[in-house]
Protein backbone atom coordinates (compact mmCIF):
# COMPACT_ATOMS: atom_id res chain seq x y z
CA MET A 1 180.73 111.95 195.96
CA TRP A 2 183.40 112.78 194.33
CA VAL A 3 185.69 109.40 194.21
CA GLN A 4 189.00 109.00 192.92
CA LEU A 5 189.35 105.87 191.27
CA ALA A 6 192.64 103.94 190.42
CA CYS A 7 192.91 100.54 187.83
CA ARG A 8 196.25 99.57 187.03
CA ALA A 9 198.33 103.01 186.36
CA LYS A 10 195.67 105.00 185.64
CA THR A 11 193.35 107.12 188.15
CA ALA A 12 190.04 108.64 187.30
CA PRO A 13 187.73 110.86 189.17
CA VAL A 14 184.35 109.88 188.98
CA ILE A 15 180.94 111.78 190.65
CA GLY A 16 178.93 108.93 192.55
CA MET A 17 175.81 108.30 194.49
CA VAL A 18 175.87 106.85 197.90
CA ASP A 19 173.53 104.31 197.42
CA SER A 20 171.79 102.24 199.92
CA GLY A 21 169.86 100.75 197.79
CA ALA A 22 172.50 99.64 195.52
CA HIS A 23 173.48 96.32 196.42
CA GLY A 24 177.27 97.05 194.89
CA THR A 25 178.61 99.84 192.62
CA LEU A 26 177.71 100.93 189.38
CA LEU A 27 179.73 102.84 187.21
CA PRO A 28 179.91 104.08 183.99
CA LYS A 29 181.21 101.92 181.23
CA SER A 30 182.54 104.71 179.71
CA GLU A 31 184.83 104.99 182.72
CA ALA A 32 185.97 102.26 182.08
CA GLY A 33 188.88 103.62 179.24
CA ALA A 34 190.06 106.44 182.01
CA LEU A 35 190.69 103.23 184.00
CA GLY A 36 192.44 101.89 181.52
CA LEU A 37 190.37 99.34 180.19
CA ASP A 38 190.04 97.70 177.16
CA ALA A 39 186.06 97.12 176.51
CA ALA A 40 186.68 94.68 173.53
CA THR A 41 189.14 93.00 176.25
CA ASP A 42 188.68 93.87 179.87
CA LEU A 43 185.35 93.65 180.01
CA ILE A 44 183.29 90.52 180.33
CA GLU A 45 179.98 90.83 180.16
CA THR A 46 177.36 89.17 183.50
CA PRO A 47 175.30 86.37 182.12
CA GLU A 48 172.70 87.51 184.23
CA GLY A 49 172.98 91.35 184.00
CA SER A 50 171.77 93.46 186.62
CA GLY A 51 168.22 94.21 188.63
CA GLY A 52 166.76 98.48 189.36
CA ALA A 53 164.20 99.96 190.63
CA GLY A 54 161.42 98.59 189.55
CA GLY A 55 161.81 95.58 188.20
CA THR A 56 164.12 96.89 185.31
CA THR A 57 167.10 94.78 184.07
CA PHE A 58 169.37 95.85 182.06
CA ALA A 59 173.45 94.57 180.66
CA THR A 60 176.08 94.56 182.69
CA TRP A 61 180.49 94.03 182.32
CA THR A 62 183.09 93.15 185.58
CA THR A 63 186.67 92.86 185.03
CA ILE A 64 189.43 90.91 186.49
CA HIS A 65 191.34 93.92 186.80
CA ALA A 66 191.37 95.40 190.64
CA ILE A 67 189.95 98.83 191.57
CA SER A 68 190.63 100.28 194.03
CA GLY A 69 189.96 104.49 195.41
CA GLN A 70 189.49 106.94 198.35
CA ILE A 71 187.14 109.54 198.41
CA LEU A 72 188.24 112.70 196.88
CA ALA A 73 187.53 115.93 199.47
CA MET A 74 186.61 119.45 197.73
CA LEU A 75 187.77 121.42 200.53
CA PRO A 76 188.61 124.94 200.31
CA ASP A 77 192.41 124.11 199.80
CA GLY A 78 191.78 122.37 197.25
CA PRO A 79 190.64 118.57 196.56
CA GLN A 80 192.85 115.99 198.61
CA LEU A 81 192.57 112.38 199.39
CA TRP A 82 190.47 111.49 202.47
CA GLY A 83 189.26 107.94 204.01
CA PRO A 84 190.09 104.21 203.47
CA VAL A 85 191.49 103.14 199.89
CA ILE A 86 188.03 100.85 199.29
CA GLN A 87 188.43 97.99 196.75
CA PHE A 88 185.82 97.92 194.38
CA LYS A 89 183.96 95.18 192.59
CA PRO A 90 182.06 97.21 190.30
CA VAL A 91 179.80 96.71 187.70
CA PHE A 92 180.33 98.69 184.17
CA ALA A 93 176.60 99.37 182.16
CA GLU A 94 175.64 102.07 179.52
CA GLY A 95 174.35 105.74 180.20
CA ALA A 96 174.73 104.44 183.77
CA HIS A 97 175.32 107.06 186.92
CA ALA A 98 177.73 106.09 189.63
CA LEU A 99 176.06 104.20 192.69
CA LEU A 100 178.31 103.31 195.65
CA GLY A 101 177.22 100.32 197.06
CA ARG A 102 176.64 98.26 199.60
CA GLN A 103 178.77 95.19 198.71
CA ASP A 104 181.68 97.83 198.87
CA PHE A 105 181.79 100.93 199.73
CA PHE A 106 179.67 100.69 202.89
CA LYS A 107 181.52 98.15 204.19
CA TYR A 108 184.56 100.48 204.82
CA PHE A 109 182.38 103.58 206.74
CA SER A 110 179.54 104.10 208.91
CA ILE A 111 176.94 105.96 207.42
CA THR A 112 174.06 107.71 209.09
CA PHE A 113 171.03 109.81 207.46
CA VAL A 114 170.10 113.05 209.18
CA ASN A 115 167.81 115.23 208.49
CA ASP A 116 168.76 119.26 209.37
CA PRO A 117 166.79 121.21 209.76
CA THR A 118 169.03 123.94 208.22
CA HIS A 119 170.91 122.18 205.48
CA GLY A 120 168.07 119.56 205.19
CA ALA A 121 168.89 115.90 204.38
CA VAL A 122 172.52 114.92 205.05
CA PHE A 123 174.60 112.52 205.76
CA HIS A 124 178.07 111.55 207.82
CA LEU A 125 180.59 108.65 206.79
CA ASP A 126 182.90 107.70 209.93
CA TYR A 127 185.72 105.20 209.47
């Protein structure tokens, strides 16, 4: 799913996976620069890091700067912002893929997973 993120005066489109197993939102550390964040001064390493599937742990960083976002719907007439503006509290990690988690993304939507016989597994977002 595309999400248009904003921090300070910068915006960046990011593809993220809606992940019901993720406690919070995880963003690639490489996206920090696109959001106007300096890795040396704006990112703070989390002492405990984060955990993943299978008991893995990895280094993560947070920021004090507000990050918001909105779904970027890819419609026939072109991309359009859709839904509520979400206040994200992400952690950043090296080499990560963006995961949209329960702590922030899921607070704004009712999410229904459906096994559609024609389209396979799909999910619906209602707000």
